[in-house]
Amino acid sequence: MPGKRVPTTSAGLRKRRHLRVRAKVAGTPERPRLVVFRSLKHMSVQLIDDVAQRTLMTVTDAGLSGKKSEKSTAVGKLVAEKAKGAGISKVVFDRGGYRYHGRVKAVADGAREAGLEF
């Protein structure tokens, strides 16, 4: 977003980092973008085809029990299983402006364990 100022709040700084990542990462129909959203309580993951501008699938940790990091790993495994069922085996990982650490890393590890290639 050239010319637009993003506020210097923590959310604004994350948005700025995410824009930097998005400048380099794009999803295709063969290799969609796996986007992670992390809130204080929940994790949400989407597979997005940027060429067609479509969200292919969404997985959240609603209904799962356990610690937040365990739920994040389960979300990664669940999205990998759903993607493989839809014929997708390779994705591009988009950490959404978050550090690749903790719950974000747990999602990636869970998806890799279930057979998704980054």
C-alpha atoms as a PDB file:
ATOM      1  CA  MET A   1       0.000   0.000   0.000  1.00  0.00           C
ATOM      2  CA  PRO A   2       2.294   2.729  -1.173  1.00  0.00           C
ATOM      3  CA  GLY A   3       1.487   6.135   0.205  1.00  0.00           C
ATOM      4  CA  LYS A   4      -0.664   4.882   3.084  1.00  0.00           C
ATOM      5  CA  ARG A   5       0.637   5.218   6.615  1.00  0.00           C
ATOM      6  CA  VAL A   6       0.101   2.346   8.974  1.00  0.00           C
ATOM      7  CA  PRO A   7      -0.205   3.317  12.658  1.00  0.00           C
ATOM      8  CA  THR A   8       2.673   2.484  14.975  1.00  0.00           C
ATOM      9  CA  THR A   9       0.561   0.407  17.348  1.00  0.00           C
ATOM     10  CA  SER A  10       1.475  -3.252  17.839  1.00  0.00           C
ATOM     11  CA  ALA A  11      -1.274  -4.243  15.382  1.00  0.00           C
ATOM     12  CA  GLY A  12      -0.051  -1.638  12.910  1.00  0.00           C
ATOM     13  CA  LEU A  13       3.530  -2.876  13.158  1.00  0.00           C
ATOM     14  CA  ARG A  14       2.328  -6.465  12.565  1.00  0.00           C
ATOM     15  CA  LYS A  15       0.368  -5.227   9.532  1.00  0.00           C
ATOM     16  CA  ARG A  16       3.508  -3.556   8.208  1.00  0.00           C
ATOM     17  CA  ARG A  17       5.531  -6.768   8.648  1.00  0.00           C
ATOM     18  CA  HIS A  18       2.751  -8.748   6.958  1.00  0.00           C
ATOM     19  CA  LEU A  19       2.803  -6.386   3.963  1.00  0.00           C
ATOM     20  CA  ARG A  20       6.555  -6.962   3.657  1.00  0.00           C
ATOM     21  CA  VAL A  21       6.019 -10.725   3.673  1.00  0.00           C
ATOM     22  CA  ARG A  22       3.129 -10.461   1.190  1.00  0.00           C
ATOM     23  CA  ALA A  23       5.333  -8.564  -1.255  1.00  0.00           C
ATOM     24  CA  LYS A  24       7.413 -11.733  -1.622  1.00  0.00           C
ATOM     25  CA  VAL A  25       4.873 -14.530  -1.060  1.00  0.00           C
ATOM     26  CA  ALA A  26       1.968 -15.393  -3.358  1.00  0.00           C
ATOM     27  CA  GLY A  27      -0.244 -18.453  -3.650  1.00  0.00           C
ATOM     28  CA  THR A  28      -1.136 -20.229  -6.885  1.00  0.00           C
ATOM     29  CA  PRO A  29      -3.773 -22.877  -7.602  1.00  0.00           C
ATOM     30  CA  GLU A  30      -1.069 -25.587  -7.518  1.00  0.00           C
ATOM     31  CA  ARG A  31       0.697 -24.139  -4.459  1.00  0.00           C
ATOM     32  CA  PRO A  32      -1.694 -22.019  -2.344  1.00  0.00           C
ATOM     33  CA  ARG A  33      -0.651 -19.686   0.465  1.00  0.00           C
ATOM     34  CA  LEU A  34      -1.104 -21.054   4.003  1.00  0.00           C
ATOM     35  CA  VAL A  35      -1.927 -17.976   6.109  1.00  0.00           C
ATOM     36  CA  VAL A  36      -1.756 -18.047   9.907  1.00  0.00           C
ATOM     37  CA  PHE A  37      -3.779 -15.723  12.132  1.00  0.00           C
ATOM     38  CA  ARG A  38      -3.045 -15.754  15.837  1.00  0.00           C
ATOM     39  CA  SER A  39      -5.226 -14.086  18.442  1.00  0.00           C
ATOM     40  CA  LEU A  40      -4.745 -14.210  22.193  1.00  0.00           C
ATOM     41  CA  LYS A  41      -7.016 -17.248  22.510  1.00  0.00           C
ATOM     42  CA  HIS A  42      -7.276 -18.899  19.098  1.00  0.00           C
ATOM     43  CA  MET A  43      -5.441 -19.887  15.916  1.00  0.00           C
ATOM     44  CA  SER A  44      -6.917 -19.707  12.447  1.00  0.00           C
ATOM     45  CA  VAL A  45      -5.371 -21.005   9.231  1.00  0.00           C
ATOM     46  CA  GLN A  46      -6.500 -20.399   5.651  1.00  0.00           C
ATOM     47  CA  LEU A  47      -5.401 -21.753   2.291  1.00  0.00           C
ATOM     48  CA  ILE A  48      -5.636 -18.962  -0.293  1.00  0.00           C
ATOM     49  CA  ASP A  49      -5.253 -18.965  -4.079  1.00  0.00           C
ATOM     50  CA  ASP A  50      -4.038 -15.434  -4.844  1.00  0.00           C
ATOM     51  CA  VAL A  51      -4.389 -15.814  -8.614  1.00  0.00           C
ATOM     52  CA  ALA A  52      -8.150 -16.480  -8.416  1.00  0.00           C
ATOM     53  CA  GLN A  53      -8.439 -14.391  -5.216  1.00  0.00           C
ATOM     54  CA  ARG A  54     -10.238 -17.245  -3.456  1.00  0.00           C
ATOM     55  CA  THR A  55     -10.042 -18.788  -0.009  1.00  0.00           C
ATOM     56  CA  LEU A  56      -9.872 -22.537  -0.563  1.00  0.00           C
ATOM     57  CA  MET A  57     -10.399 -23.610   3.044  1.00  0.00           C
ATOM     58  CA  THR A  58     -10.320 -22.362   6.629  1.00  0.00           C
ATOM     59  CA  VAL A  59      -9.464 -24.271   9.801  1.00  0.00           C
ATOM     60  CA  THR A  60      -9.715 -22.919  13.351  1.00  0.00           C
ATOM     61  CA  ASP A  61      -9.058 -24.382  16.772  1.00  0.00           C
ATOM     62  CA  ALA A  62     -12.705 -24.019  17.836  1.00  0.00           C
ATOM     63  CA  GLY A  63     -13.870 -27.244  19.427  1.00  0.00           C
ATOM     64  CA  LEU A  64     -10.363 -28.494  20.224  1.00  0.00           C
ATOM     65  CA  SER A  65      -9.210 -28.872  23.802  1.00  0.00           C
ATOM     66  CA  GLY A  66      -5.798 -28.663  25.418  1.00  0.00           C
ATOM     67  CA  LYS A  67      -3.088 -26.076  25.716  1.00  0.00           C
ATOM     68  CA  LYS A  68      -2.814 -23.356  23.073  1.00  0.00           C
ATOM     69  CA  SER A  69       0.366 -24.811  21.535  1.00  0.00           C
ATOM     70  CA  GLU A  70      -1.194 -28.296  21.380  1.00  0.00           C
ATOM     71  CA  LYS A  71      -4.275 -26.862  19.671  1.00  0.00           C
ATOM     72  CA  SER A  72      -2.014 -25.052  17.192  1.00  0.00           C
ATOM     73  CA  THR A  73      -0.262 -28.300  16.268  1.00  0.00           C
ATOM     74  CA  ALA A  74      -3.660 -29.965  15.845  1.00  0.00           C
ATOM     75  CA  VAL A  75      -4.803 -27.117  13.563  1.00  0.00           C
ATOM     76  CA  GLY A  76      -1.706 -27.654  11.398  1.00  0.00           C
ATOM     77  CA  LYS A  77      -2.416 -31.381  11.132  1.00  0.00           C
ATOM     78  CA  LEU A  78      -6.087 -30.770  10.389  1.00  0.00           C
ATOM     79  CA  VAL A  79      -5.397 -28.274   7.597  1.00  0.00           C
ATOM     80  CA  ALA A  80      -2.858 -30.686   6.077  1.00  0.00           C
ATOM     81  CA  GLU A  81      -5.369 -33.538   6.086  1.00  0.00           C
ATOM     82  CA  LYS A  82      -8.072 -31.360   4.506  1.00  0.00           C
ATOM     83  CA  ALA A  83      -5.595 -30.057   1.902  1.00  0.00           C
ATOM     84  CA  LYS A  84      -4.449 -33.548   0.971  1.00  0.00           C
ATOM     85  CA  GLY A  85      -8.102 -34.547   0.619  1.00  0.00           C
ATOM     86  CA  ALA A  86      -8.531 -31.650  -1.819  1.00  0.00           C
ATOM     87  CA  GLY A  87      -5.456 -32.724  -3.812  1.00  0.00           C
ATOM     88  CA  ILE A  88      -3.038 -30.100  -2.444  1.00  0.00           C
ATOM     89  CA  SER A  89       0.358 -31.341  -1.276  1.00  0.00           C
ATOM     90  CA  LYS A  90       2.545 -28.217  -1.513  1.00  0.00           C
ATOM     91  CA  VAL A  91       1.912 -24.777   0.008  1.00  0.00           C
ATOM     92  CA  VAL A  92       3.688 -21.479   0.592  1.00  0.00           C
ATOM     93  CA  PHE A  93       3.814 -20.555   4.303  1.00  0.00           C
ATOM     94  CA  ASP A  94       2.708 -17.031   5.243  1.00  0.00           C
ATOM     95  CA  ARG A  95       3.375 -16.325   8.909  1.00  0.00           C
ATOM     96  CA  GLY A  96       1.146 -13.249   8.811  1.00  0.00           C
ATOM     97  CA  GLY A  97       3.660 -10.799  10.265  1.00  0.00           C
ATOM     98  CA  TYR A  98       4.155 -12.906  13.400  1.00  0.00           C
ATOM     99  CA  ARG A  99       7.528 -14.262  14.484  1.00  0.00           C
ATOM    100  CA  TYR A 100       8.160 -17.855  13.408  1.00  0.00           C
ATOM    101  CA  HIS A 101       8.096 -18.992  17.014  1.00  0.00           C
ATOM    102  CA  GLY A 102       5.754 -20.668  19.474  1.00  0.00           C
ATOM    103  CA  ARG A 103       2.231 -21.254  18.186  1.00  0.00           C
ATOM    104  CA  VAL A 104       3.024 -20.132  14.632  1.00  0.00           C
ATOM    105  CA  LYS A 105       5.875 -22.652  14.490  1.00  0.00           C
ATOM    106  CA  ALA A 106       3.587 -25.306  16.017  1.00  0.00           C
ATOM    107  CA  VAL A 107       1.112 -24.872  13.149  1.00  0.00           C
ATOM    108  CA  ALA A 108       3.913 -25.276  10.604  1.00  0.00           C
ATOM    109  CA  ASP A 109       5.330 -28.332  12.380  1.00  0.00           C
ATOM    110  CA  GLY A 110       1.896 -29.948  12.603  1.00  0.00           C
ATOM    111  CA  ALA A 111       1.254 -29.381   8.896  1.00  0.00           C
ATOM    112  CA  ARG A 112       4.667 -30.820   8.002  1.00  0.00           C
ATOM    113  CA  GLU A 113       4.066 -33.866  10.231  1.00  0.00           C
ATOM    114  CA  ALA A 114       0.822 -34.574   8.391  1.00  0.00           C
ATOM    115  CA  GLY A 115       2.623 -34.504   5.035  1.00  0.00           C
ATOM    116  CA  LEU A 116       2.247 -30.962   3.698  1.00  0.00           C
ATOM    117  CA  GLU A 117       5.342 -29.631   1.887  1.00  0.00           C
ATOM    118  CA  PHE A 118       6.479 -26.016   2.292  1.00  0.00           C
END
